Amino acid sequence: MKARIEIRLKPGILDPQGKAIGGALAGLGYSGLGEVRQGKLIEIDLPTATDTESAARDLDAMCKTLLANPVTEDFSVTLSE
């Protein structure tokens, strides 16, 4: 089983990296861009996981305790075989 975790800043949280990316893209001539926000993608292989429900619970706990900051970030977990 494989897990894909997407982590992004919550709406309203300032994103200086996204702002820098937007400025760099504008400097390269890309116009008409709105707000740019950046996030993180974490992929985890779970070779011994057999139960999707318990894997999802474990991944949720991992995100809340280490991978994401629940005060400033939202996360979503996608599991696949």
N, C-alpha and C. Protein backbone atom coordinates (compact mmCIF):
# COMPACT_ATOMS: atom_id res chain seq x y z
N MET A 1 0.85 -1.17 0.00
CA MET A 1 0.00 0.00 0.00
C MET A 1 0.90 1.23 0.00
N LYS A 2 0.45 2.25 -0.68
CA LYS A 2 1.20 3.51 -0.74
C LYS A 2 0.31 4.65 -0.27
N ALA A 3 0.93 5.60 0.42
CA ALA A 3 0.21 6.78 0.90
C ALA A 3 0.80 8.02 0.24
N ARG A 4 -0.08 8.91 -0.11
CA ARG A 4 0.31 10.20 -0.68
C ARG A 4 -0.31 11.27 0.22
N ILE A 5 0.53 12.09 0.82
CA ILE A 5 0.07 13.11 1.77
C ILE A 5 0.37 14.48 1.19
N GLU A 6 -0.67 15.27 1.01
CA GLU A 6 -0.52 16.64 0.52
C GLU A 6 -0.74 17.59 1.69
N ILE A 7 0.21 18.49 1.90
CA ILE A 7 0.16 19.44 3.01
C ILE A 7 0.21 20.85 2.43
N ARG A 8 -0.76 21.68 2.85
CA ARG A 8 -0.79 23.06 2.37
C ARG A 8 -1.13 23.99 3.52
N LEU A 9 -0.69 25.23 3.38
CA LEU A 9 -1.01 26.22 4.40
C LEU A 9 -2.51 26.49 4.39
N LYS A 10 -3.06 26.72 5.57
CA LYS A 10 -4.48 27.03 5.68
C LYS A 10 -4.74 28.39 5.01
N PRO A 11 -5.97 28.59 4.51
CA PRO A 11 -6.31 29.90 3.95
C PRO A 11 -6.09 30.99 4.99
N GLY A 12 -5.56 32.10 4.54
CA GLY A 12 -5.31 33.23 5.43
C GLY A 12 -3.93 33.23 6.05
N ILE A 13 -3.19 32.12 5.96
CA ILE A 13 -1.82 32.07 6.47
C ILE A 13 -0.90 32.60 5.39
N LEU A 14 -0.04 33.55 5.75
CA LEU A 14 0.89 34.12 4.78
C LEU A 14 1.81 33.04 4.23
N ASP A 15 2.09 33.12 2.93
CA ASP A 15 2.93 32.13 2.25
C ASP A 15 4.07 32.85 1.53
N PRO A 16 5.17 33.17 2.25
CA PRO A 16 6.26 33.90 1.62
C PRO A 16 6.92 33.12 0.48
N GLN A 17 6.98 31.80 0.58
CA GLN A 17 7.57 31.02 -0.52
C GLN A 17 6.69 31.10 -1.76
N GLY A 18 5.38 31.00 -1.57
CA GLY A 18 4.47 31.14 -2.70
C GLY A 18 4.60 32.51 -3.34
N LYS A 19 4.73 33.55 -2.52
CA LYS A 19 4.90 34.91 -3.03
C LYS A 19 6.19 35.02 -3.84
N ALA A 20 7.27 34.41 -3.33
CA ALA A 20 8.55 34.44 -4.06
C ALA A 20 8.44 33.69 -5.39
N ILE A 21 7.76 32.55 -5.39
CA ILE A 21 7.56 31.79 -6.63
C ILE A 21 6.76 32.62 -7.62
N GLY A 22 5.69 33.26 -7.15
CA GLY A 22 4.88 34.11 -8.03
C GLY A 22 5.69 35.25 -8.61
N GLY A 23 6.55 35.87 -7.78
CA GLY A 23 7.40 36.96 -8.27
C GLY A 23 8.41 36.48 -9.30
N ALA A 24 8.98 35.30 -9.06
CA ALA A 24 9.95 34.74 -10.01
C ALA A 24 9.28 34.41 -11.34
N LEU A 25 8.08 33.85 -11.28
CA LEU A 25 7.36 33.53 -12.53
C LEU A 25 7.02 34.81 -13.30
N ALA A 26 6.61 35.86 -12.58
CA ALA A 26 6.33 37.14 -13.23
C ALA A 26 7.60 37.70 -13.86
N GLY A 27 8.73 37.56 -13.15
CA GLY A 27 10.01 38.02 -13.68
C GLY A 27 10.44 37.27 -14.93
N LEU A 28 9.97 36.05 -15.07
CA LEU A 28 10.27 35.25 -16.27
C LEU A 28 9.30 35.53 -17.42
N GLY A 29 8.37 36.45 -17.18
CA GLY A 29 7.45 36.84 -18.24
C GLY A 29 6.09 36.17 -18.21
N TYR A 30 5.83 35.35 -17.21
CA TYR A 30 4.50 34.72 -17.11
C TYR A 30 3.55 35.71 -16.46
N SER A 31 2.56 36.14 -17.20
CA SER A 31 1.65 37.15 -16.69
C SER A 31 0.27 36.54 -16.43
N GLY A 32 -0.57 37.31 -15.78
CA GLY A 32 -1.93 36.88 -15.53
C GLY A 32 -2.05 35.86 -14.41
N LEU A 33 -1.04 35.79 -13.56
CA LEU A 33 -1.09 34.84 -12.45
C LEU A 33 -1.79 35.48 -11.25
N GLY A 34 -2.60 34.72 -10.59
CA GLY A 34 -3.18 35.15 -9.33
C GLY A 34 -2.25 34.76 -8.20
N GLU A 35 -2.84 34.52 -7.04
CA GLU A 35 -2.05 34.12 -5.88
C GLU A 35 -1.38 32.77 -6.13
N VAL A 36 -0.13 32.66 -5.73
CA VAL A 36 0.61 31.40 -5.82
C VAL A 36 0.86 30.91 -4.41
N ARG A 37 0.51 29.65 -4.15
CA ARG A 37 0.74 29.03 -2.83
C ARG A 37 1.51 27.75 -3.05
N GLN A 38 2.42 27.47 -2.17
CA GLN A 38 3.21 26.25 -2.29
C GLN A 38 2.88 25.33 -1.14
N GLY A 39 3.13 24.05 -1.34
CA GLY A 39 2.86 23.06 -0.31
C GLY A 39 3.91 21.97 -0.33
N LYS A 40 3.60 20.87 0.36
CA LYS A 40 4.51 19.74 0.42
C LYS A 40 3.78 18.48 -0.01
N LEU A 41 4.52 17.58 -0.60
CA LEU A 41 4.00 16.26 -0.95
C LEU A 41 4.92 15.23 -0.30
N ILE A 42 4.33 14.31 0.46
CA ILE A 42 5.08 13.24 1.10
C ILE A 42 4.49 11.92 0.64
N GLU A 43 5.33 11.03 0.14
CA GLU A 43 4.88 9.70 -0.27
C GLU A 43 5.50 8.68 0.67
N ILE A 44 4.67 7.80 1.19
CA ILE A 44 5.13 6.78 2.13
C ILE A 44 4.70 5.42 1.62
N ASP A 45 5.64 4.49 1.57
CA ASP A 45 5.34 3.11 1.20
C ASP A 45 5.02 2.34 2.49
N LEU A 46 3.92 1.60 2.47
CA LEU A 46 3.50 0.81 3.63
C LEU A 46 3.43 -0.66 3.21
N PRO A 47 4.57 -1.33 3.09
CA PRO A 47 4.59 -2.68 2.52
C PRO A 47 3.87 -3.73 3.36
N THR A 48 3.74 -3.53 4.67
CA THR A 48 3.10 -4.54 5.51
C THR A 48 1.65 -4.21 5.83
N ALA A 49 1.15 -3.06 5.39
CA ALA A 49 -0.23 -2.67 5.68
C ALA A 49 -1.20 -3.51 4.87
N THR A 50 -2.20 -4.03 5.53
CA THR A 50 -3.23 -4.82 4.84
C THR A 50 -4.62 -4.23 5.02
N ASP A 51 -4.79 -3.42 6.06
CA ASP A 51 -6.09 -2.85 6.40
C ASP A 51 -6.08 -1.35 6.11
N THR A 52 -6.86 -0.93 5.14
CA THR A 52 -6.89 0.48 4.74
C THR A 52 -7.33 1.38 5.89
N GLU A 53 -8.30 0.93 6.67
CA GLU A 53 -8.82 1.76 7.75
C GLU A 53 -7.77 2.03 8.82
N SER A 54 -7.03 1.00 9.24
CA SER A 54 -6.00 1.22 10.26
C SER A 54 -4.82 2.01 9.70
N ALA A 55 -4.49 1.79 8.42
CA ALA A 55 -3.43 2.57 7.79
C ALA A 55 -3.81 4.05 7.75
N ALA A 56 -5.06 4.34 7.41
CA ALA A 56 -5.53 5.72 7.36
C ALA A 56 -5.47 6.36 8.75
N ARG A 57 -5.85 5.61 9.78
CA ARG A 57 -5.77 6.12 11.16
C ARG A 57 -4.33 6.43 11.55
N ASP A 58 -3.41 5.51 11.22
CA ASP A 58 -1.99 5.73 11.53
C ASP A 58 -1.45 6.95 10.80
N LEU A 59 -1.79 7.07 9.53
CA LEU A 59 -1.30 8.21 8.75
C LEU A 59 -1.86 9.53 9.27
N ASP A 60 -3.11 9.53 9.68
CA ASP A 60 -3.70 10.73 10.27
C ASP A 60 -2.93 11.13 11.53
N ALA A 61 -2.60 10.14 12.36
CA ALA A 61 -1.83 10.42 13.57
C ALA A 61 -0.43 10.93 13.23
N MET A 62 0.21 10.34 12.22
CA MET A 62 1.54 10.80 11.79
C MET A 62 1.50 12.26 11.37
N CYS A 63 0.47 12.62 10.62
CA CYS A 63 0.34 14.00 10.15
C CYS A 63 0.13 14.96 11.30
N LYS A 64 -0.72 14.58 12.23
CA LYS A 64 -1.04 15.47 13.35
C LYS A 64 0.11 15.62 14.33
N THR A 65 0.98 14.61 14.43
CA THR A 65 2.06 14.68 15.41
C THR A 65 3.41 15.12 14.85
N LEU A 66 3.63 14.90 13.54
CA LEU A 66 4.96 15.22 12.99
C LEU A 66 4.94 15.88 11.63
N LEU A 67 4.17 15.35 10.69
CA LEU A 67 4.31 15.76 9.30
C LEU A 67 3.70 17.12 8.99
N ALA A 68 2.63 17.49 9.67
CA ALA A 68 1.96 18.77 9.41
C ALA A 68 1.80 19.53 10.72
N ASN A 69 1.76 20.84 10.62
CA ASN A 69 1.48 21.68 11.78
C ASN A 69 -0.02 21.97 11.76
N PRO A 70 -0.80 21.36 12.65
CA PRO A 70 -2.25 21.51 12.58
C PRO A 70 -2.74 22.93 12.84
N VAL A 71 -1.90 23.79 13.37
CA VAL A 71 -2.29 25.18 13.61
C VAL A 71 -2.28 25.96 12.30
N THR A 72 -1.31 25.69 11.43
CA THR A 72 -1.15 26.50 10.21
C THR A 72 -1.37 25.72 8.92
N GLU A 73 -1.45 24.38 8.99
CA GLU A 73 -1.51 23.59 7.76
C GLU A 73 -2.69 22.63 7.75
N ASP A 74 -3.22 22.40 6.56
CA ASP A 74 -4.21 21.36 6.30
C ASP A 74 -3.50 20.23 5.58
N PHE A 75 -4.02 19.02 5.70
CA PHE A 75 -3.43 17.90 4.97
C PHE A 75 -4.52 16.98 4.46
N SER A 76 -4.19 16.25 3.40
CA SER A 76 -5.09 15.20 2.89
C SER A 76 -4.25 13.98 2.59
N VAL A 77 -4.83 12.82 2.85
CA VAL A 77 -4.15 11.54 2.66
C VAL A 77 -4.89 10.73 1.61
N THR A 78 -4.15 10.19 0.65
CA THR A 78 -4.70 9.31 -0.36
C THR A 78 -3.96 7.99 -0.29
N LEU A 79 -4.70 6.89 -0.19
CA LEU A 79 -4.10 5.56 -0.14
C LEU A 79 -4.36 4.84 -1.45
N SER A 80 -3.38 4.07 -1.90
CA SER A 80 -3.55 3.24 -3.11
C SER A 80 -2.81 1.93 -2.90
N GLU A 81 -3.22 0.94 -3.65
CA GLU A 81 -2.59 -0.39 -3.55
C GLU A 81 -1.26 -0.42 -4.27
